[in-house]
Amino acid sequence: MRGAVIGTGLVAAIVVGGWLGVETLARDRVAAWIATDPALEAASVTALRDPRQIGVGLTDLRFSDPAIGVGLPWMRAWLSPLAPLTAQLDLPDQAQVTQGGQVMQLGLSAPVASLSLAPLNRMAPDRLDLQAQDVTLDGQPLADALSLQARMVPLGANAPRPARAAYALDLALEGLDVAGVARLGLDPGPLPGPVGAQGPVRIWLDGTPSVTGDQVPQIVGWQTEGLALQAGQIGLRIIGRLSHDAQGRAEGQVALYSADADAMIGMAVGLGLIPPRGQLLLRAGLSQLSRADLDDTLPGPAFPDPAEGELRLPIIMRDGQLILGGVPIGPAPAI
């Protein structure tokens, strides 16, 4: 999220300069933004000097964070006079990623990135489009394809209480290598690879992303009407909504749909929806648990009946407890 806020600030500087029709001002704003943020470095910031593309070019751009660092040999950010609120980012096909002191080479094929800002909402990101294919890490496949579209949407009447902004995401991920994910410092859990995901997700944030970067909004809830997940030979569909309560524990309910009972249980554990010890209860009484009712008092999407040959496993998190088949089996996970 921190990187997204920084990217928004860079784009906002370009958009403001583009509005005023002074490319030099856009360059100066970007340079000033980088100079005031200790997490950013760039060897040079220059104006493009192309009437069809108002923007700037950067060389040796680096973002450093305690968790991860990213370095780009170059980047061009520009907007068209015909679309002055949407910035296009031209990216190289190679980048450096630093994690735990180890420098790795990240390869990207046909990367696409664009970002639109909402001028009446503190220059918050309004729309985002990211795409890449044949992503590699040190020459080894990391992901076959990645696509993410995001757009700002109204909060909605049933938004989580701390929510101040909402985004609707359309996610498509193919062939993610779990070993590569672990090398990047992320924990894939016990999920086998390759991993894939496709479907809509709505996220709620506790603040509107700001170009200042002073406060980084946190996710306080999410909802999906049907996210298809694949991990190796395991496949299932997840529908539901979770937010965090006052103690930071998950609250809400999700339902997992799958024709493979063992796969459903393994995926639920891998996603952190149930503790490992809950596997014994599930395997002993999955048929009965799959017929348990959902909680109609909790907000969220509609839960369809399972298809023929399919099981539906309701997982309810309420009052700090994780509930399966109406029986509390332990504390709800922290989110």
C-alpha atoms as a PDB file:
ATOM      1  CA  MET A   1       0.000   0.000   0.000  1.00  0.00           C
ATOM      2  CA  ARG A   2       2.892   2.357   0.747  1.00  0.00           C
ATOM      3  CA  GLY A   3       4.206   1.932  -2.779  1.00  0.00           C
ATOM      4  CA  ALA A   4       0.781   2.687  -4.218  1.00  0.00           C
ATOM      5  CA  VAL A   5       0.605   5.943  -2.263  1.00  0.00           C
ATOM      6  CA  ILE A   6       4.050   6.969  -3.518  1.00  0.00           C
ATOM      7  CA  GLY A   7       3.051   6.160  -7.090  1.00  0.00           C
ATOM      8  CA  THR A   8      -0.075   8.250  -6.673  1.00  0.00           C
ATOM      9  CA  GLY A   9       1.999  11.206  -5.540  1.00  0.00           C
ATOM     10  CA  LEU A  10       4.260  10.987  -8.582  1.00  0.00           C
ATOM     11  CA  VAL A  11       1.300  10.786 -10.928  1.00  0.00           C
ATOM     12  CA  ALA A  12      -0.449  13.666  -9.174  1.00  0.00           C
ATOM     13  CA  ALA A  13       2.598  15.861  -9.688  1.00  0.00           C
ATOM     14  CA  ILE A  14       2.541  15.072 -13.389  1.00  0.00           C
ATOM     15  CA  VAL A  15      -1.207  15.658 -13.693  1.00  0.00           C
ATOM     16  CA  VAL A  16      -1.017  19.040 -11.957  1.00  0.00           C
ATOM     17  CA  GLY A  17       1.855  20.114 -14.149  1.00  0.00           C
ATOM     18  CA  GLY A  18       0.014  18.878 -17.219  1.00  0.00           C
ATOM     19  CA  TRP A  19      -3.078  20.892 -16.317  1.00  0.00           C
ATOM     20  CA  LEU A  20      -1.033  24.057 -16.174  1.00  0.00           C
ATOM     21  CA  GLY A  21       0.506  23.203 -19.515  1.00  0.00           C
ATOM     22  CA  VAL A  22       4.010  23.532 -18.139  1.00  0.00           C
ATOM     23  CA  GLU A  23       5.981  20.325 -18.456  1.00  0.00           C
ATOM     24  CA  THR A  24       8.870  21.868 -16.573  1.00  0.00           C
ATOM     25  CA  LEU A  25       6.571  22.352 -13.586  1.00  0.00           C
ATOM     26  CA  ALA A  26       5.618  18.661 -13.725  1.00  0.00           C
ATOM     27  CA  ARG A  27       9.307  17.739 -13.741  1.00  0.00           C
ATOM     28  CA  ASP A  28      10.030  20.032 -10.789  1.00  0.00           C
ATOM     29  CA  ARG A  29       7.095  18.671  -8.799  1.00  0.00           C
ATOM     30  CA  VAL A  30       8.219  15.080  -9.325  1.00  0.00           C
ATOM     31  CA  ALA A  31      11.801  15.961  -8.390  1.00  0.00           C
ATOM     32  CA  ALA A  32      10.588  17.740  -5.249  1.00  0.00           C
ATOM     33  CA  TRP A  33       8.386  14.788  -4.316  1.00  0.00           C
ATOM     34  CA  ILE A  34      11.341  12.401  -4.600  1.00  0.00           C
ATOM     35  CA  ALA A  35      13.643  14.757  -2.677  1.00  0.00           C
ATOM     36  CA  THR A  36      11.273  14.976   0.285  1.00  0.00           C
ATOM     37  CA  ASP A  37      10.606  11.223   0.555  1.00  0.00           C
ATOM     38  CA  PRO A  38      13.527   9.267   2.070  1.00  0.00           C
ATOM     39  CA  ALA A  39      12.163   6.056   0.591  1.00  0.00           C
ATOM     40  CA  LEU A  40      12.669   7.323  -2.987  1.00  0.00           C
ATOM     41  CA  GLU A  41      15.730   8.014  -5.111  1.00  0.00           C
ATOM     42  CA  ALA A  42      16.220   8.852  -8.783  1.00  0.00           C
ATOM     43  CA  ALA A  43      19.385   9.634 -10.717  1.00  0.00           C
ATOM     44  CA  SER A  44      17.580  12.076 -13.010  1.00  0.00           C
ATOM     45  CA  VAL A  45      14.145  13.549 -13.692  1.00  0.00           C
ATOM     46  CA  THR A  46      13.681  15.107 -17.118  1.00  0.00           C
ATOM     47  CA  ALA A  47      10.798  16.547 -19.141  1.00  0.00           C
ATOM     48  CA  LEU A  48       9.779  14.455 -22.153  1.00  0.00           C
ATOM     49  CA  ARG A  49       9.417  17.446 -24.518  1.00  0.00           C
ATOM     50  CA  ASP A  50       6.855  15.643 -26.673  1.00  0.00           C
ATOM     51  CA  PRO A  51       3.612  17.558 -27.408  1.00  0.00           C
ATOM     52  CA  ARG A  52       1.708  14.261 -27.629  1.00  0.00           C
ATOM     53  CA  GLN A  53       2.876  13.133 -24.200  1.00  0.00           C
ATOM     54  CA  ILE A  54       3.094  15.587 -21.304  1.00  0.00           C
ATOM     55  CA  GLY A  55       5.229  13.989 -18.658  1.00  0.00           C
ATOM     56  CA  VAL A  56       8.608  13.102 -17.289  1.00  0.00           C
ATOM     57  CA  GLY A  57      11.238  10.424 -17.595  1.00  0.00           C
ATOM     58  CA  LEU A  58      13.145   9.056 -14.630  1.00  0.00           C
ATOM     59  CA  THR A  59      16.340   7.021 -14.540  1.00  0.00           C
ATOM     60  CA  ASP A  60      17.615   4.676 -11.834  1.00  0.00           C
ATOM     61  CA  LEU A  61      14.419   5.016  -9.775  1.00  0.00           C
ATOM     62  CA  ARG A  62      14.603   3.229  -6.435  1.00  0.00           C
ATOM     63  CA  PHE A  63      12.059   2.614  -3.693  1.00  0.00           C
ATOM     64  CA  SER A  64      13.360   1.255  -0.381  1.00  0.00           C
ATOM     65  CA  ASP A  65      11.253  -0.043   2.463  1.00  0.00           C
ATOM     66  CA  PRO A  66      12.086  -2.208   5.502  1.00  0.00           C
ATOM     67  CA  ALA A  67      10.084  -5.032   3.928  1.00  0.00           C
ATOM     68  CA  ILE A  68      11.217  -4.830   0.296  1.00  0.00           C
ATOM     69  CA  GLY A  69      13.084  -2.629  -2.159  1.00  0.00           C
ATOM     70  CA  VAL A  70      12.423  -2.092  -5.865  1.00  0.00           C
ATOM     71  CA  GLY A  71      14.681  -0.562  -8.480  1.00  0.00           C
ATOM     72  CA  LEU A  72      13.843   0.422 -12.071  1.00  0.00           C
ATOM     73  CA  PRO A  73      16.498   1.413 -14.619  1.00  0.00           C
ATOM     74  CA  TRP A  74      14.012   3.889 -16.105  1.00  0.00           C
ATOM     75  CA  MET A  75      10.356   4.860 -16.120  1.00  0.00           C
ATOM     76  CA  ARG A  76       8.265   7.272 -18.171  1.00  0.00           C
ATOM     77  CA  ALA A  77       5.059   8.751 -16.766  1.00  0.00           C
ATOM     78  CA  TRP A  78       2.935  10.842 -19.089  1.00  0.00           C
ATOM     79  CA  LEU A  79      -0.567  11.955 -19.944  1.00  0.00           C
ATOM     80  CA  SER A  80      -2.252  12.795 -23.197  1.00  0.00           C
ATOM     81  CA  PRO A  81      -3.800  16.270 -23.642  1.00  0.00           C
ATOM     82  CA  LEU A  82      -6.963  14.382 -24.631  1.00  0.00           C
ATOM     83  CA  ALA A  83      -7.096  12.573 -21.248  1.00  0.00           C
ATOM     84  CA  PRO A  84      -5.517  14.945 -18.714  1.00  0.00           C
ATOM     85  CA  LEU A  85      -6.582  12.952 -15.628  1.00  0.00           C
ATOM     86  CA  THR A  86      -5.096   9.601 -16.664  1.00  0.00           C
ATOM     87  CA  ALA A  87      -1.392   8.972 -16.483  1.00  0.00           C
ATOM     88  CA  GLN A  88       0.239   6.167 -18.449  1.00  0.00           C
ATOM     89  CA  LEU A  89       3.365   4.522 -17.108  1.00  0.00           C
ATOM     90  CA  ASP A  90       5.912   3.063 -19.512  1.00  0.00           C
ATOM     91  CA  LEU A  91       7.924   0.443 -17.635  1.00  0.00           C
ATOM     92  CA  PRO A  92      11.056  -1.558 -18.460  1.00  0.00           C
ATOM     93  CA  ASP A  93      10.998  -5.318 -18.869  1.00  0.00           C
ATOM     94  CA  GLN A  94      13.556  -5.752 -16.072  1.00  0.00           C
ATOM     95  CA  ALA A  95      13.633  -4.550 -12.473  1.00  0.00           C
ATOM     96  CA  GLN A  96      15.535  -5.308  -9.286  1.00  0.00           C
ATOM     97  CA  VAL A  97      13.866  -6.504  -6.101  1.00  0.00           C
ATOM     98  CA  THR A  98      15.719  -6.533  -2.791  1.00  0.00           C
ATOM     99  CA  GLN A  99      14.458  -8.644   0.093  1.00  0.00           C
ATOM    100  CA  GLY A 100      16.415  -9.573   3.189  1.00  0.00           C
ATOM    101  CA  GLY A 101      19.610  -8.197   1.653  1.00  0.00           C
ATOM    102  CA  GLN A 102      19.259 -10.402  -1.427  1.00  0.00           C
ATOM    103  CA  VAL A 103      19.043  -8.696  -4.818  1.00  0.00           C
ATOM    104  CA  MET A 104      16.860 -10.480  -7.388  1.00  0.00           C
ATOM    105  CA  GLN A 105      16.061  -9.747 -11.015  1.00  0.00           C
ATOM    106  CA  LEU A 106      12.368  -9.359 -11.826  1.00  0.00           C
ATOM    107  CA  GLY A 107      11.371  -9.833 -15.452  1.00  0.00           C
ATOM    108  CA  LEU A 108       8.152  -8.492 -16.986  1.00  0.00           C
ATOM    109  CA  SER A 109       6.689  -9.082 -20.429  1.00  0.00           C
ATOM    110  CA  ALA A 110       4.322  -6.506 -21.945  1.00  0.00           C
ATOM    111  CA  PRO A 111       3.792  -4.527 -18.724  1.00  0.00           C
ATOM    112  CA  VAL A 112       0.860  -2.084 -18.774  1.00  0.00           C
ATOM    113  CA  ALA A 113       0.132   0.465 -16.058  1.00  0.00           C
ATOM    114  CA  SER A 114      -2.204   3.444 -15.912  1.00  0.00           C
ATOM    115  CA  LEU A 115      -3.653   5.490 -13.081  1.00  0.00           C
ATOM    116  CA  SER A 116      -6.478   8.043 -13.020  1.00  0.00           C
ATOM    117  CA  LEU A 117      -6.946  10.539 -10.216  1.00  0.00           C
ATOM    118  CA  ALA A 118     -10.060  12.142  -8.732  1.00  0.00           C
ATOM    119  CA  PRO A 119      -9.389  15.919  -8.512  1.00  0.00           C
ATOM    120  CA  LEU A 120     -12.419  16.527  -6.283  1.00  0.00           C
ATOM    121  CA  ASN A 121     -11.330  13.832  -3.810  1.00  0.00           C
ATOM    122  CA  ARG A 122      -7.855  15.028  -2.769  1.00  0.00           C
ATOM    123  CA  MET A 123      -6.319  13.524  -5.924  1.00  0.00           C
ATOM    124  CA  ALA A 124      -7.114  10.017  -4.676  1.00  0.00           C
ATOM    125  CA  PRO A 125      -6.639   7.164  -7.163  1.00  0.00           C
ATOM    126  CA  ASP A 126      -9.865   6.787  -9.113  1.00  0.00           C
ATOM    127  CA  ARG A 127      -8.941   3.986 -11.514  1.00  0.00           C
ATOM    128  CA  LEU A 128      -5.949   1.680 -11.768  1.00  0.00           C
ATOM    129  CA  ASP A 129      -4.972  -0.798 -14.458  1.00  0.00           C
ATOM    130  CA  LEU A 130      -1.995  -3.141 -14.071  1.00  0.00           C
ATOM    131  CA  GLN A 131      -1.104  -5.975 -16.412  1.00  0.00           C
ATOM    132  CA  ALA A 132       1.934  -8.158 -17.014  1.00  0.00           C
ATOM    133  CA  GLN A 133       2.722 -11.500 -18.580  1.00  0.00           C
ATOM    134  CA  ASP A 134       5.481 -14.085 -18.194  1.00  0.00           C
ATOM    135  CA  VAL A 135       6.787 -12.645 -14.919  1.00  0.00           C
ATOM    136  CA  THR A 136      10.120 -14.150 -13.869  1.00  0.00           C
ATOM    137  CA  LEU A 137      12.365 -14.000 -10.810  1.00  0.00           C
ATOM    138  CA  ASP A 138      16.065 -14.519 -11.521  1.00  0.00           C
ATOM    139  CA  GLY A 139      15.081 -16.092 -14.814  1.00  0.00           C
ATOM    140  CA  GLN A 140      12.670 -18.599 -13.262  1.00  0.00           C
ATOM    141  CA  PRO A 141       8.897 -18.375 -13.847  1.00  0.00           C
ATOM    142  CA  LEU A 142       7.093 -16.448 -11.120  1.00  0.00           C
ATOM    143  CA  ALA A 143       3.658 -15.937 -12.720  1.00  0.00           C
ATOM    144  CA  ASP A 144       2.190 -16.637 -16.135  1.00  0.00           C
ATOM    145  CA  ALA A 145      -0.051 -13.577 -16.145  1.00  0.00           C
ATOM    146  CA  LEU A 146      -1.338 -10.863 -13.814  1.00  0.00           C
ATOM    147  CA  SER A 147      -4.171  -8.418 -14.365  1.00  0.00           C
ATOM    148  CA  LEU A 148      -5.637  -6.007 -11.840  1.00  0.00           C
ATOM    149  CA  GLN A 149      -8.244  -3.324 -12.457  1.00  0.00           C
ATOM    150  CA  ALA A 150      -9.434  -1.163  -9.585  1.00  0.00           C
ATOM    151  CA  ARG A 151     -11.940   1.660  -9.430  1.00  0.00           C
ATOM    152  CA  MET A 152     -13.152   3.831  -6.569  1.00  0.00           C
ATOM    153  CA  VAL A 153     -16.788   3.124  -5.663  1.00  0.00           C
ATOM    154  CA  PRO A 154     -19.258   4.454  -3.075  1.00  0.00           C
ATOM    155  CA  LEU A 155     -18.880   3.041   0.427  1.00  0.00           C
ATOM    156  CA  GLY A 156     -22.360   1.521   0.486  1.00  0.00           C
ATOM    157  CA  ALA A 157     -24.881   1.514   3.309  1.00  0.00           C
ATOM    158  CA  ASN A 158     -23.433  -1.614   4.950  1.00  0.00           C
ATOM    159  CA  ALA A 159     -19.761  -0.657   4.802  1.00  0.00           C
ATOM    160  CA  PRO A 160     -17.651  -1.554   7.859  1.00  0.00           C
ATOM    161  CA  ARG A 161     -17.835   1.184  10.478  1.00  0.00           C
ATOM    162  CA  PRO A 162     -14.182   2.367  10.139  1.00  0.00           C
ATOM    163  CA  ALA A 163     -14.345   2.473   6.325  1.00  0.00           C
ATOM    164  CA  ARG A 164     -13.710   5.796   4.592  1.00  0.00           C
ATOM    165  CA  ALA A 165     -13.019   4.631   1.023  1.00  0.00           C
ATOM    166  CA  ALA A 166     -13.905   1.631  -1.126  1.00  0.00           C
ATOM    167  CA  TYR A 167     -12.459   0.102  -4.281  1.00  0.00           C
ATOM    168  CA  ALA A 168     -13.887  -2.565  -6.587  1.00  0.00           C
ATOM    169  CA  LEU A 169     -11.169  -4.864  -7.888  1.00  0.00           C
ATOM    170  CA  ASP A 170     -11.175  -7.287 -10.797  1.00  0.00           C
ATOM    171  CA  LEU A 171      -8.335  -9.746 -10.291  1.00  0.00           C
ATOM    172  CA  ALA A 172      -6.867 -12.370 -12.610  1.00  0.00           C
ATOM    173  CA  LEU A 173      -3.734 -14.276 -11.624  1.00  0.00           C
ATOM    174  CA  GLU A 174      -2.373 -17.321 -13.444  1.00  0.00           C
ATOM    175  CA  GLY A 175       0.442 -19.709 -12.603  1.00  0.00           C
ATOM    176  CA  LEU A 176       1.907 -18.073  -9.495  1.00  0.00           C
ATOM    177  CA  ASP A 177       4.930 -20.019  -8.220  1.00  0.00           C
ATOM    178  CA  VAL A 178       4.786 -20.369  -4.418  1.00  0.00           C
ATOM    179  CA  ALA A 179       8.558 -20.823  -4.080  1.00  0.00           C
ATOM    180  CA  GLY A 180       9.107 -17.493  -5.809  1.00  0.00           C
ATOM    181  CA  VAL A 181       6.552 -15.857  -3.530  1.00  0.00           C
ATOM    182  CA  ALA A 182       8.484 -17.141  -0.504  1.00  0.00           C
ATOM    183  CA  ARG A 183      11.722 -15.681  -1.901  1.00  0.00           C
ATOM    184  CA  LEU A 184      10.010 -12.290  -2.002  1.00  0.00           C
ATOM    185  CA  GLY A 185       9.398 -12.509   1.743  1.00  0.00           C
ATOM    186  CA  LEU A 186       5.724 -13.428   1.480  1.00  0.00           C
ATOM    187  CA  ASP A 187       4.289 -16.475   3.219  1.00  0.00           C
ATOM    188  CA  PRO A 188       2.216 -18.649   0.848  1.00  0.00           C
ATOM    189  CA  GLY A 189       1.351 -20.978   3.724  1.00  0.00           C
ATOM    190  CA  PRO A 190       0.813 -24.659   2.925  1.00  0.00           C
ATOM    191  CA  LEU A 191      -0.818 -23.949  -0.449  1.00  0.00           C
ATOM    192  CA  PRO A 192       0.598 -26.050  -3.286  1.00  0.00           C
ATOM    193  CA  GLY A 193       1.504 -24.366  -6.526  1.00  0.00           C
ATOM    194  CA  PRO A 194       0.936 -23.050  -8.997  1.00  0.00           C
ATOM    195  CA  VAL A 195      -1.662 -20.650  -7.592  1.00  0.00           C
ATOM    196  CA  GLY A 196      -4.345 -18.851  -9.583  1.00  0.00           C
ATOM    197  CA  ALA A 197      -7.239 -16.530  -8.769  1.00  0.00           C
ATOM    198  CA  GLN A 198      -9.960 -14.834 -10.761  1.00  0.00           C
ATOM    199  CA  GLY A 199     -12.974 -12.779  -9.796  1.00  0.00           C
ATOM    200  CA  PRO A 200     -14.261  -9.575  -8.207  1.00  0.00           C
ATOM    201  CA  VAL A 201     -13.241  -8.298  -4.770  1.00  0.00           C
ATOM    202  CA  ARG A 202     -14.351  -5.136  -2.997  1.00  0.00           C
ATOM    203  CA  ILE A 203     -12.030  -3.699  -0.357  1.00  0.00           C
ATOM    204  CA  TRP A 204     -12.724  -1.037   2.255  1.00  0.00           C
ATOM    205  CA  LEU A 205      -9.993   1.267   3.594  1.00  0.00           C
ATOM    206  CA  ASP A 206      -9.910   3.270   6.814  1.00  0.00           C
ATOM    207  CA  GLY A 207      -8.896   6.384   4.866  1.00  0.00           C
ATOM    208  CA  THR A 208      -8.762   7.817   1.371  1.00  0.00           C
ATOM    209  CA  PRO A 209      -5.333   7.323  -0.254  1.00  0.00           C
ATOM    210  CA  SER A 210      -3.520  10.659  -0.186  1.00  0.00           C
ATOM    211  CA  VAL A 211      -0.800  12.054  -2.407  1.00  0.00           C
ATOM    212  CA  THR A 212       1.052  13.258   0.679  1.00  0.00           C
ATOM    213  CA  GLY A 213       1.848   9.736   1.809  1.00  0.00           C
ATOM    214  CA  ASP A 214       1.712  10.859   5.438  1.00  0.00           C
ATOM    215  CA  GLN A 215      -0.867   8.225   6.359  1.00  0.00           C
ATOM    216  CA  VAL A 216      -1.171   4.906   4.581  1.00  0.00           C
ATOM    217  CA  PRO A 217      -4.761   3.598   4.631  1.00  0.00           C
ATOM    218  CA  GLN A 218      -5.279   0.082   5.920  1.00  0.00           C
ATOM    219  CA  ILE A 219      -7.747  -2.511   4.665  1.00  0.00           C
ATOM    220  CA  VAL A 220     -10.589  -2.871   7.170  1.00  0.00           C
ATOM    221  CA  GLY A 221     -12.764  -5.292   5.210  1.00  0.00           C
ATOM    222  CA  TRP A 222     -13.316  -7.139   1.952  1.00  0.00           C
ATOM    223  CA  GLN A 223     -16.158  -8.822   0.104  1.00  0.00           C
ATOM    224  CA  THR A 224     -16.450 -11.055  -2.936  1.00  0.00           C
ATOM    225  CA  GLU A 225     -19.459 -12.370  -4.837  1.00  0.00           C
ATOM    226  CA  GLY A 226     -17.376 -15.213  -6.252  1.00  0.00           C
ATOM    227  CA  LEU A 227     -13.582 -15.512  -6.277  1.00  0.00           C
ATOM    228  CA  ALA A 228     -12.292 -18.669  -7.982  1.00  0.00           C
ATOM    229  CA  LEU A 229      -9.077 -19.993  -6.447  1.00  0.00           C
ATOM    230  CA  GLN A 230      -6.734 -22.667  -7.735  1.00  0.00           C
ATOM    231  CA  ALA A 231      -3.756 -24.140  -5.862  1.00  0.00           C
ATOM    232  CA  GLY A 232      -2.130 -27.034  -7.693  1.00  0.00           C
ATOM    233  CA  GLN A 233      -4.941 -29.515  -8.300  1.00  0.00           C
ATOM    234  CA  ILE A 234      -7.125 -27.893  -5.626  1.00  0.00           C
ATOM    235  CA  GLY A 235      -9.910 -25.646  -6.849  1.00  0.00           C
ATOM    236  CA  LEU A 236     -12.743 -23.888  -5.082  1.00  0.00           C
ATOM    237  CA  ARG A 237     -14.926 -20.797  -5.126  1.00  0.00           C
ATOM    238  CA  ILE A 238     -15.211 -18.394  -2.197  1.00  0.00           C
ATOM    239  CA  ILE A 239     -18.121 -16.048  -1.507  1.00  0.00           C
ATOM    240  CA  GLY A 240     -18.439 -13.826   1.542  1.00  0.00           C
ATOM    241  CA  ARG A 241     -17.346 -10.826   3.487  1.00  0.00           C
ATOM    242  CA  LEU A 242     -14.937 -10.248   6.365  1.00  0.00           C
ATOM    243  CA  SER A 243     -14.040  -7.122   8.313  1.00  0.00           C
ATOM    244  CA  HIS A 244     -12.249  -6.639  11.602  1.00  0.00           C
ATOM    245  CA  ASP A 245     -13.913  -6.012  14.938  1.00  0.00           C
ATOM    246  CA  ALA A 246     -12.764  -3.626  17.673  1.00  0.00           C
ATOM    247  CA  GLN A 247     -10.147  -6.177  18.805  1.00  0.00           C
ATOM    248  CA  GLY A 248      -8.775  -6.649  15.285  1.00  0.00           C
ATOM    249  CA  ARG A 249     -10.304 -10.114  14.827  1.00  0.00           C
ATOM    250  CA  ALA A 250     -12.199 -11.178  11.727  1.00  0.00           C
ATOM    251  CA  GLU A 251     -15.955 -10.696  11.751  1.00  0.00           C
ATOM    252  CA  GLY A 252     -18.365 -11.891   9.071  1.00  0.00           C
ATOM    253  CA  GLN A 253     -18.875 -15.072   7.121  1.00  0.00           C
ATOM    254  CA  VAL A 254     -17.608 -16.822   4.033  1.00  0.00           C
ATOM    255  CA  ALA A 255     -18.734 -19.930   2.203  1.00  0.00           C
ATOM    256  CA  LEU A 256     -16.411 -22.258   0.322  1.00  0.00           C
ATOM    257  CA  TYR A 257     -17.787 -24.201  -2.645  1.00  0.00           C
ATOM    258  CA  SER A 258     -16.057 -27.275  -4.038  1.00  0.00           C
ATOM    259  CA  ALA A 259     -16.768 -30.770  -5.302  1.00  0.00           C
ATOM    260  CA  ASP A 260     -13.609 -32.018  -3.549  1.00  0.00           C
ATOM    261  CA  ALA A 261     -14.040 -32.196   0.236  1.00  0.00           C
ATOM    262  CA  ASP A 262     -10.356 -32.748   1.044  1.00  0.00           C
ATOM    263  CA  ALA A 263      -9.374 -29.923  -1.291  1.00  0.00           C
ATOM    264  CA  MET A 264     -11.857 -27.614   0.411  1.00  0.00           C
ATOM    265  CA  ILE A 265     -10.450 -28.382   3.858  1.00  0.00           C
ATOM    266  CA  GLY A 266      -6.843 -27.971   2.740  1.00  0.00           C
ATOM    267  CA  MET A 267      -7.578 -24.650   1.054  1.00  0.00           C
ATOM    268  CA  ALA A 268      -9.481 -23.348   4.096  1.00  0.00           C
ATOM    269  CA  VAL A 269      -6.453 -24.070   6.276  1.00  0.00           C
ATOM    270  CA  GLY A 270      -4.045 -22.649   3.702  1.00  0.00           C
ATOM    271  CA  LEU A 271      -6.023 -19.403   3.501  1.00  0.00           C
ATOM    272  CA  GLY A 272      -6.026 -19.061   7.295  1.00  0.00           C
ATOM    273  CA  LEU A 273      -9.817 -19.287   7.507  1.00  0.00           C
ATOM    274  CA  ILE A 274      -9.691 -22.169   9.967  1.00  0.00           C
ATOM    275  CA  PRO A 275      -6.884 -23.344  12.304  1.00  0.00           C
ATOM    276  CA  PRO A 276      -5.021 -26.557  11.415  1.00  0.00           C
ATOM    277  CA  ARG A 277      -6.616 -28.350  14.359  1.00  0.00           C
ATOM    278  CA  GLY A 278     -10.027 -27.681  12.800  1.00  0.00           C
ATOM    279  CA  GLN A 279      -9.239 -30.179  10.047  1.00  0.00           C
ATOM    280  CA  LEU A 280     -10.131 -33.108  12.303  1.00  0.00           C
ATOM    281  CA  LEU A 281     -13.579 -31.687  13.046  1.00  0.00           C
ATOM    282  CA  LEU A 282     -14.203 -30.950   9.390  1.00  0.00           C
ATOM    283  CA  ARG A 283     -13.179 -34.369   8.144  1.00  0.00           C
ATOM    284  CA  ALA A 284     -15.264 -36.072  10.833  1.00  0.00           C
ATOM    285  CA  GLY A 285     -18.460 -34.177  10.119  1.00  0.00           C
ATOM    286  CA  LEU A 286     -18.106 -32.318   6.829  1.00  0.00           C
ATOM    287  CA  SER A 287     -21.371 -33.685   5.426  1.00  0.00           C
ATOM    288  CA  GLN A 288     -23.321 -32.301   8.389  1.00  0.00           C
ATOM    289  CA  LEU A 289     -21.343 -29.065   8.608  1.00  0.00           C
ATOM    290  CA  SER A 290     -21.916 -28.346   4.921  1.00  0.00           C
ATOM    291  CA  ARG A 291     -25.671 -28.288   5.607  1.00  0.00           C
ATOM    292  CA  ALA A 292     -25.339 -25.660   8.348  1.00  0.00           C
ATOM    293  CA  ASP A 293     -27.178 -22.385   7.917  1.00  0.00           C
ATOM    294  CA  LEU A 294     -25.496 -19.074   7.258  1.00  0.00           C
ATOM    295  CA  ASP A 295     -26.121 -16.078   9.531  1.00  0.00           C
ATOM    296  CA  ASP A 296     -28.734 -13.859   7.888  1.00  0.00           C
ATOM    297  CA  THR A 297     -28.012 -11.040  10.352  1.00  0.00           C
ATOM    298  CA  LEU A 298     -24.489 -10.460   9.037  1.00  0.00           C
ATOM    299  CA  PRO A 299     -24.028  -8.122   6.056  1.00  0.00           C
ATOM    300  CA  GLY A 300     -22.599  -9.506   2.853  1.00  0.00           C
ATOM    301  CA  PRO A 301     -23.394 -10.920  -0.581  1.00  0.00           C
ATOM    302  CA  ALA A 302     -26.031 -13.511  -1.430  1.00  0.00           C
ATOM    303  CA  PHE A 303     -24.954 -17.125  -0.911  1.00  0.00           C
ATOM    304  CA  PRO A 304     -26.317 -19.437  -3.624  1.00  0.00           C
ATOM    305  CA  ASP A 305     -27.085 -23.083  -2.975  1.00  0.00           C
ATOM    306  CA  PRO A 306     -24.317 -25.479  -3.998  1.00  0.00           C
ATOM    307  CA  ALA A 307     -24.518 -27.014  -7.438  1.00  0.00           C
ATOM    308  CA  GLU A 308     -25.195 -30.722  -7.858  1.00  0.00           C
ATOM    309  CA  GLY A 309     -22.206 -32.704  -6.592  1.00  0.00           C
ATOM    310  CA  GLU A 310     -20.799 -29.653  -4.829  1.00  0.00           C
ATOM    311  CA  LEU A 311     -20.400 -28.970  -1.102  1.00  0.00           C
ATOM    312  CA  ARG A 312     -20.835 -25.580   0.559  1.00  0.00           C
ATOM    313  CA  LEU A 313     -18.917 -25.002   3.787  1.00  0.00           C
ATOM    314  CA  PRO A 314     -20.112 -21.980   5.825  1.00  0.00           C
ATOM    315  CA  ILE A 315     -17.476 -20.377   8.057  1.00  0.00           C
ATOM    316  CA  ILE A 316     -18.848 -17.786  10.490  1.00  0.00           C
ATOM    317  CA  MET A 317     -16.762 -15.395  12.581  1.00  0.00           C
ATOM    318  CA  ARG A 318     -18.681 -13.544  15.246  1.00  0.00           C
ATOM    319  CA  ASP A 319     -17.968 -12.137  18.722  1.00  0.00           C
ATOM    320  CA  GLY A 320     -14.312 -13.095  18.363  1.00  0.00           C
ATOM    321  CA  GLN A 321     -15.175 -16.760  17.753  1.00  0.00           C
ATOM    322  CA  LEU A 322     -14.750 -19.033  14.743  1.00  0.00           C
ATOM    323  CA  ILE A 323     -17.946 -21.039  14.262  1.00  0.00           C
ATOM    324  CA  LEU A 324     -18.455 -24.177  12.181  1.00  0.00           C
ATOM    325  CA  GLY A 325     -21.876 -25.794  12.073  1.00  0.00           C
ATOM    326  CA  GLY A 326     -23.069 -23.593  14.914  1.00  0.00           C
ATOM    327  CA  VAL A 327     -20.231 -24.778  17.184  1.00  0.00           C
ATOM    328  CA  PRO A 328     -17.411 -22.391  18.239  1.00  0.00           C
ATOM    329  CA  ILE A 329     -14.082 -24.144  17.614  1.00  0.00           C
ATOM    330  CA  GLY A 330     -11.689 -21.365  18.586  1.00  0.00           C
ATOM    331  CA  PRO A 331     -10.862 -17.684  18.265  1.00  0.00           C
ATOM    332  CA  ALA A 332     -11.484 -15.906  14.969  1.00  0.00           C
ATOM    333  CA  PRO A 333      -8.235 -15.089  13.129  1.00  0.00           C
ATOM    334  CA  ALA A 334      -6.739 -11.620  13.368  1.00  0.00           C
ATOM    335  CA  ILE A 335      -6.833  -9.541  10.193  1.00  0.00           C
END
